[in-house]
N, C-alpha and C. Protein backbone atom coordinates (compact mmCIF):
# COMPACT_ATOMS: atom_id res chain seq x y z
N MET A 1 1.29 9.69 18.00
CA MET A 1 0.48 9.42 16.83
C MET A 1 1.10 10.13 15.62
N ILE A 2 1.12 9.43 14.51
CA ILE A 2 1.60 9.98 13.25
C ILE A 2 0.44 9.96 12.27
N LYS A 3 0.19 11.09 11.64
CA LYS A 3 -0.90 11.18 10.68
C LYS A 3 -0.37 11.81 9.40
N LYS A 4 -0.62 11.13 8.28
CA LYS A 4 -0.27 11.65 6.97
C LYS A 4 -1.49 11.47 6.09
N GLU A 5 -1.76 12.49 5.27
CA GLU A 5 -2.91 12.37 4.38
C GLU A 5 -2.77 13.31 3.20
N GLY A 6 -3.53 13.00 2.19
CA GLY A 6 -3.59 13.81 0.98
C GLY A 6 -4.90 13.52 0.28
N PRO A 7 -5.13 14.14 -0.86
CA PRO A 7 -6.37 13.88 -1.59
C PRO A 7 -6.50 12.40 -1.95
N GLY A 8 -7.52 11.75 -1.43
CA GLY A 8 -7.79 10.35 -1.76
C GLY A 8 -7.10 9.32 -0.89
N TRP A 9 -6.39 9.73 0.17
CA TRP A 9 -5.72 8.76 1.02
C TRP A 9 -5.43 9.35 2.40
N ARG A 10 -5.24 8.44 3.37
CA ARG A 10 -4.79 8.83 4.71
C ARG A 10 -4.19 7.63 5.42
N ILE A 11 -3.23 7.91 6.28
CA ILE A 11 -2.61 6.89 7.13
C ILE A 11 -2.47 7.50 8.52
N ILE A 12 -2.94 6.79 9.52
CA ILE A 12 -2.80 7.23 10.90
C ILE A 12 -2.20 6.07 11.69
N ARG A 13 -1.05 6.32 12.33
CA ARG A 13 -0.38 5.30 13.15
C ARG A 13 -0.40 5.73 14.61
N ASP A 14 -0.87 4.85 15.46
CA ASP A 14 -0.88 5.10 16.90
C ASP A 14 -0.44 3.81 17.59
N THR A 15 0.85 3.69 17.84
CA THR A 15 1.39 2.45 18.41
C THR A 15 1.04 2.27 19.89
N SER A 16 0.38 3.26 20.49
CA SER A 16 -0.07 3.09 21.87
C SER A 16 -1.35 2.27 21.95
N ARG A 17 -2.01 2.07 20.81
CA ARG A 17 -3.22 1.24 20.77
C ARG A 17 -2.83 -0.23 20.86
N ASP A 18 -3.66 -1.01 21.51
CA ASP A 18 -3.35 -2.43 21.73
C ASP A 18 -3.38 -3.27 20.46
N THR A 19 -4.51 -3.33 19.79
CA THR A 19 -4.67 -4.26 18.69
C THR A 19 -4.44 -3.63 17.33
N PHE A 20 -5.19 -2.61 17.02
CA PHE A 20 -5.12 -2.01 15.69
C PHE A 20 -4.36 -0.69 15.76
N THR A 21 -3.11 -0.73 15.32
CA THR A 21 -2.21 0.41 15.47
C THR A 21 -2.24 1.37 14.29
N THR A 22 -2.81 0.94 13.17
CA THR A 22 -2.75 1.75 11.96
C THR A 22 -4.10 1.78 11.27
N LEU A 23 -4.49 2.97 10.83
CA LEU A 23 -5.67 3.13 10.00
C LEU A 23 -5.19 3.62 8.64
N ILE A 24 -5.63 2.94 7.59
CA ILE A 24 -5.35 3.41 6.23
C ILE A 24 -6.69 3.63 5.56
N GLY A 25 -6.72 4.58 4.64
CA GLY A 25 -7.99 4.87 3.99
C GLY A 25 -7.81 5.45 2.62
N GLY A 26 -8.92 5.52 1.93
CA GLY A 26 -9.00 6.12 0.60
C GLY A 26 -10.31 6.88 0.52
N ASN A 27 -10.74 7.16 -0.69
CA ASN A 27 -12.04 7.80 -0.86
C ASN A 27 -13.14 6.83 -0.45
N ASN A 28 -13.87 7.16 0.58
CA ASN A 28 -15.04 6.40 1.02
C ASN A 28 -14.74 5.04 1.62
N TRP A 29 -13.54 4.81 2.08
CA TRP A 29 -13.23 3.55 2.77
C TRP A 29 -12.07 3.77 3.74
N ALA A 30 -12.01 2.91 4.76
CA ALA A 30 -10.89 2.89 5.71
C ALA A 30 -10.89 1.54 6.40
N ILE A 31 -9.71 1.12 6.83
CA ILE A 31 -9.58 -0.12 7.58
C ILE A 31 -8.48 0.06 8.62
N GLU A 32 -8.66 -0.57 9.76
CA GLU A 32 -7.63 -0.58 10.78
C GLU A 32 -6.84 -1.87 10.64
N LEU A 33 -5.51 -1.77 10.81
CA LEU A 33 -4.61 -2.91 10.68
C LEU A 33 -3.85 -3.12 11.97
N ASN A 34 -3.56 -4.38 12.27
CA ASN A 34 -2.68 -4.65 13.41
C ASN A 34 -1.23 -4.46 12.95
N GLN A 35 -0.31 -4.53 13.87
CA GLN A 35 1.09 -4.23 13.56
C GLN A 35 1.65 -5.17 12.49
N SER A 36 1.35 -6.44 12.59
CA SER A 36 1.84 -7.42 11.62
C SER A 36 1.28 -7.15 10.22
N GLU A 37 -0.01 -6.85 10.14
CA GLU A 37 -0.62 -6.54 8.84
C GLU A 37 0.01 -5.28 8.23
N TRP A 38 0.25 -4.27 9.07
CA TRP A 38 0.88 -3.03 8.60
C TRP A 38 2.28 -3.30 8.06
N GLU A 39 3.08 -4.02 8.81
CA GLU A 39 4.45 -4.29 8.38
C GLU A 39 4.49 -5.06 7.07
N SER A 40 3.65 -6.06 6.93
CA SER A 40 3.66 -6.84 5.69
C SER A 40 3.08 -6.02 4.53
N LEU A 41 2.09 -5.17 4.80
CA LEU A 41 1.54 -4.30 3.76
C LEU A 41 2.61 -3.34 3.22
N VAL A 42 3.33 -2.70 4.11
CA VAL A 42 4.38 -1.77 3.69
C VAL A 42 5.40 -2.49 2.81
N GLY A 43 5.79 -3.68 3.19
CA GLY A 43 6.75 -4.45 2.39
C GLY A 43 6.24 -4.71 0.99
N VAL A 44 4.99 -5.10 0.86
CA VAL A 44 4.41 -5.38 -0.45
C VAL A 44 4.34 -4.10 -1.29
N VAL A 45 3.85 -3.02 -0.70
CA VAL A 45 3.69 -1.76 -1.44
C VAL A 45 5.05 -1.22 -1.89
N LEU A 46 6.02 -1.20 -0.99
CA LEU A 46 7.33 -0.66 -1.35
C LEU A 46 8.04 -1.52 -2.38
N ASP A 47 7.94 -2.84 -2.26
CA ASP A 47 8.57 -3.71 -3.25
C ASP A 47 7.94 -3.53 -4.63
N LEU A 48 6.60 -3.45 -4.69
CA LEU A 48 5.95 -3.23 -5.98
C LEU A 48 6.33 -1.87 -6.57
N SER A 49 6.37 -0.87 -5.73
CA SER A 49 6.76 0.47 -6.17
C SER A 49 8.18 0.47 -6.74
N ASP A 50 9.09 -0.19 -6.05
CA ASP A 50 10.47 -0.25 -6.53
C ASP A 50 10.57 -1.02 -7.85
N GLN A 51 9.84 -2.12 -7.96
CA GLN A 51 9.84 -2.89 -9.20
C GLN A 51 9.29 -2.06 -10.36
N TYR A 52 8.22 -1.33 -10.09
CA TYR A 52 7.63 -0.46 -11.12
C TYR A 52 8.64 0.60 -11.57
N ARG A 53 9.29 1.24 -10.61
CA ARG A 53 10.28 2.28 -10.93
C ARG A 53 11.37 1.71 -11.85
N ASP A 54 11.79 0.49 -11.59
CA ASP A 54 12.85 -0.12 -12.40
C ASP A 54 12.39 -0.49 -13.80
N VAL A 55 11.10 -0.80 -13.96
CA VAL A 55 10.58 -1.29 -15.24
C VAL A 55 9.99 -0.16 -16.10
N LYS A 56 9.48 0.89 -15.51
CA LYS A 56 8.74 1.89 -16.27
C LYS A 56 9.56 2.55 -17.37
N VAL A 57 10.87 2.66 -17.18
CA VAL A 57 11.71 3.28 -18.23
C VAL A 57 11.78 2.42 -19.49
N GLN A 58 11.41 1.16 -19.38
CA GLN A 58 11.44 0.25 -20.52
C GLN A 58 10.11 0.24 -21.28
N LEU A 59 9.09 0.85 -20.71
CA LEU A 59 7.77 0.85 -21.34
C LEU A 59 7.73 1.85 -22.48
N MET A 60 7.01 1.50 -23.53
CA MET A 60 6.91 2.37 -24.70
C MET A 60 5.50 2.95 -24.78
N GLY A 61 5.41 4.25 -25.09
CA GLY A 61 4.12 4.89 -25.32
C GLY A 61 3.13 4.60 -24.21
N ASN A 62 2.00 4.08 -24.60
CA ASN A 62 0.95 3.74 -23.64
C ASN A 62 0.95 2.26 -23.28
N GLU A 63 2.09 1.61 -23.39
CA GLU A 63 2.21 0.20 -23.04
C GLU A 63 1.87 0.02 -21.56
N ASP A 64 1.02 -0.96 -21.28
CA ASP A 64 0.59 -1.24 -19.92
C ASP A 64 1.42 -2.35 -19.30
N ILE A 65 1.46 -2.32 -17.98
CA ILE A 65 2.14 -3.37 -17.24
C ILE A 65 1.28 -3.75 -16.04
N THR A 66 1.30 -5.02 -15.70
CA THR A 66 0.64 -5.52 -14.50
C THR A 66 1.67 -6.34 -13.74
N MET A 67 1.80 -6.04 -12.46
CA MET A 67 2.70 -6.79 -11.60
C MET A 67 1.92 -7.24 -10.37
N GLU A 68 2.18 -8.46 -9.95
CA GLU A 68 1.55 -8.99 -8.75
C GLU A 68 2.62 -9.45 -7.78
N LEU A 69 2.33 -9.25 -6.51
CA LEU A 69 3.22 -9.72 -5.46
C LEU A 69 2.36 -10.26 -4.32
N GLU A 70 2.58 -11.52 -4.00
CA GLU A 70 1.83 -12.14 -2.91
C GLU A 70 2.78 -12.41 -1.77
N ARG A 71 2.45 -11.85 -0.64
CA ARG A 71 3.21 -12.06 0.58
C ARG A 71 2.19 -12.10 1.71
N PHE A 72 2.01 -13.27 2.29
CA PHE A 72 0.95 -13.47 3.27
C PHE A 72 0.96 -12.38 4.32
N PRO A 73 -0.17 -11.80 4.62
CA PRO A 73 -1.52 -12.11 4.16
C PRO A 73 -2.00 -11.26 2.99
N TRP A 74 -1.08 -10.56 2.28
CA TRP A 74 -1.46 -9.61 1.25
C TRP A 74 -1.18 -10.12 -0.16
N LEU A 75 -2.04 -9.71 -1.09
CA LEU A 75 -1.79 -9.81 -2.51
C LEU A 75 -1.85 -8.40 -3.05
N GLY A 76 -0.77 -7.95 -3.68
CA GLY A 76 -0.73 -6.62 -4.27
C GLY A 76 -0.73 -6.73 -5.78
N ILE A 77 -1.56 -5.90 -6.43
CA ILE A 77 -1.66 -5.91 -7.89
C ILE A 77 -1.47 -4.47 -8.37
N LEU A 78 -0.41 -4.25 -9.11
CA LEU A 78 -0.09 -2.94 -9.66
C LEU A 78 -0.40 -2.95 -11.14
N ASN A 79 -1.18 -1.99 -11.59
CA ASN A 79 -1.47 -1.81 -13.02
C ASN A 79 -1.03 -0.40 -13.38
N GLY A 80 -0.22 -0.29 -14.45
CA GLY A 80 0.24 1.03 -14.80
C GLY A 80 0.80 1.12 -16.20
N ASP A 81 1.33 2.29 -16.48
CA ASP A 81 2.04 2.57 -17.70
C ASP A 81 3.21 3.48 -17.32
N GLN A 82 3.89 4.05 -18.30
CA GLN A 82 5.06 4.85 -17.96
C GLN A 82 4.70 6.16 -17.26
N TYR A 83 3.42 6.49 -17.18
CA TYR A 83 2.99 7.76 -16.58
C TYR A 83 2.43 7.60 -15.17
N GLY A 84 2.26 6.39 -14.70
CA GLY A 84 1.73 6.18 -13.35
C GLY A 84 1.12 4.80 -13.19
N TRP A 85 0.60 4.56 -11.99
CA TRP A 85 0.08 3.24 -11.68
C TRP A 85 -0.99 3.32 -10.60
N ASN A 86 -1.87 2.32 -10.63
CA ASN A 86 -2.84 2.18 -9.55
C ASN A 86 -2.52 0.90 -8.80
N LEU A 87 -3.10 0.77 -7.64
CA LEU A 87 -2.74 -0.34 -6.76
C LEU A 87 -3.98 -0.93 -6.10
N LYS A 88 -4.11 -2.24 -6.23
CA LYS A 88 -5.16 -2.98 -5.54
C LYS A 88 -4.47 -3.92 -4.56
N LEU A 89 -4.96 -3.95 -3.34
CA LEU A 89 -4.40 -4.81 -2.30
C LEU A 89 -5.52 -5.65 -1.71
N ILE A 90 -5.24 -6.92 -1.52
CA ILE A 90 -6.23 -7.83 -0.96
C ILE A 90 -5.65 -8.47 0.29
N LEU A 91 -6.34 -8.27 1.41
CA LEU A 91 -5.98 -8.91 2.67
C LEU A 91 -6.73 -10.23 2.73
N SER A 92 -5.99 -11.33 2.79
CA SER A 92 -6.58 -12.65 2.79
C SER A 92 -7.24 -12.95 4.12
N ASN A 93 -8.36 -13.63 4.06
CA ASN A 93 -9.02 -14.03 5.30
C ASN A 93 -8.74 -15.49 5.63
N SER A 94 -7.67 -16.04 5.09
CA SER A 94 -7.30 -17.41 5.41
C SER A 94 -6.20 -17.41 6.46
N GLY A 95 -5.96 -18.54 7.04
CA GLY A 95 -4.91 -18.65 8.05
C GLY A 95 -5.31 -17.99 9.35
N SER A 96 -4.43 -17.15 9.88
CA SER A 96 -4.67 -16.55 11.18
C SER A 96 -5.61 -15.34 11.12
N SER A 97 -5.84 -14.79 9.95
CA SER A 97 -6.71 -13.62 9.83
C SER A 97 -8.17 -14.06 9.76
N THR A 98 -9.00 -13.34 10.45
CA THR A 98 -10.43 -13.68 10.45
C THR A 98 -11.23 -12.69 9.62
N ARG A 99 -10.56 -11.88 8.85
CA ARG A 99 -11.24 -10.90 8.02
C ARG A 99 -10.52 -10.77 6.69
N GLY A 100 -11.21 -10.24 5.75
CA GLY A 100 -10.62 -9.98 4.45
C GLY A 100 -11.07 -8.61 3.98
N VAL A 101 -10.27 -8.02 3.11
CA VAL A 101 -10.60 -6.69 2.61
C VAL A 101 -9.91 -6.47 1.28
N GLU A 102 -10.50 -5.64 0.44
CA GLU A 102 -9.86 -5.19 -0.79
C GLU A 102 -9.69 -3.69 -0.71
N ILE A 103 -8.51 -3.22 -1.07
CA ILE A 103 -8.14 -1.82 -1.01
C ILE A 103 -7.77 -1.38 -2.41
N PHE A 104 -8.10 -0.15 -2.77
CA PHE A 104 -7.73 0.36 -4.08
C PHE A 104 -7.33 1.83 -3.97
N TRP A 105 -6.18 2.15 -4.53
CA TRP A 105 -5.76 3.53 -4.70
C TRP A 105 -5.55 3.77 -6.19
N SER A 106 -6.09 4.86 -6.69
CA SER A 106 -6.01 5.17 -8.12
C SER A 106 -4.67 5.78 -8.49
N LYS A 107 -4.46 5.93 -9.77
CA LYS A 107 -3.21 6.42 -10.34
C LYS A 107 -2.78 7.77 -9.75
N ASN A 108 -3.73 8.64 -9.47
CA ASN A 108 -3.38 9.97 -8.96
C ASN A 108 -3.05 9.97 -7.47
N VAL A 109 -3.16 8.82 -6.81
CA VAL A 109 -2.95 8.73 -5.36
C VAL A 109 -1.73 7.88 -5.00
N THR A 110 -1.43 6.87 -5.79
CA THR A 110 -0.47 5.85 -5.37
C THR A 110 0.93 6.38 -5.05
N GLU A 111 1.43 7.30 -5.83
CA GLU A 111 2.78 7.80 -5.55
C GLU A 111 2.82 8.52 -4.19
N SER A 112 1.81 9.31 -3.90
CA SER A 112 1.78 10.04 -2.62
C SER A 112 1.66 9.10 -1.43
N VAL A 113 0.76 8.14 -1.52
CA VAL A 113 0.56 7.23 -0.39
C VAL A 113 1.78 6.33 -0.21
N THR A 114 2.40 5.92 -1.30
CA THR A 114 3.61 5.10 -1.21
C THR A 114 4.76 5.88 -0.60
N ASN A 115 4.93 7.14 -1.00
CA ASN A 115 5.98 7.98 -0.41
C ASN A 115 5.74 8.17 1.09
N ALA A 116 4.48 8.33 1.48
CA ALA A 116 4.17 8.47 2.90
C ALA A 116 4.49 7.19 3.66
N MET A 117 4.16 6.04 3.08
CA MET A 117 4.49 4.77 3.73
C MET A 117 5.99 4.61 3.88
N ARG A 118 6.73 4.95 2.82
CA ARG A 118 8.19 4.83 2.86
C ARG A 118 8.76 5.75 3.94
N SER A 119 8.27 6.95 4.02
CA SER A 119 8.73 7.91 5.03
C SER A 119 8.42 7.41 6.45
N MET A 120 7.23 6.90 6.65
CA MET A 120 6.85 6.37 7.97
C MET A 120 7.70 5.16 8.32
N TRP A 121 7.93 4.30 7.37
CA TRP A 121 8.72 3.08 7.57
C TRP A 121 10.15 3.44 7.93
N ASP A 122 10.74 4.35 7.11
CA ASP A 122 12.12 4.76 7.34
C ASP A 122 12.30 5.45 8.69
N SER A 123 11.33 6.24 9.11
CA SER A 123 11.45 6.96 10.38
C SER A 123 11.42 6.01 11.58
N CYS A 124 10.89 4.83 11.41
CA CYS A 124 10.88 3.84 12.50
C CYS A 124 12.26 3.28 12.76
N PHE A 125 13.15 3.36 11.76
CA PHE A 125 14.46 2.71 11.88
C PHE A 125 15.61 3.70 11.93
N LEU A 126 15.32 4.97 12.03
CA LEU A 126 16.41 5.97 12.15
C LEU A 126 16.78 6.22 13.58
């Protein structure tokens, strides 16, 4: 089992579990994800994070940016400025998924949770 957490977020991975291998959470919410949902979520979050990193140096003052990335079954929406960003994720309940959920991490949480996801993802392939 791998557990990472900080103020306003947590991720727990237990690949010995049959169906739901990952729990992610925030303030006052949590959801369990199956392996496929976890893998696609990490891809969306890391891609949005990388895109933000590349664009934020071009932002002026308090100029805002919104980026969206849809990759089934997730829709990721990043809102930020040159000082940080928040992240909303929507798990679609269409197709093979029988549930839907909306996730939100605020500006003071997103960098930490994204770094934890990247670390967990990278450690799977080393």
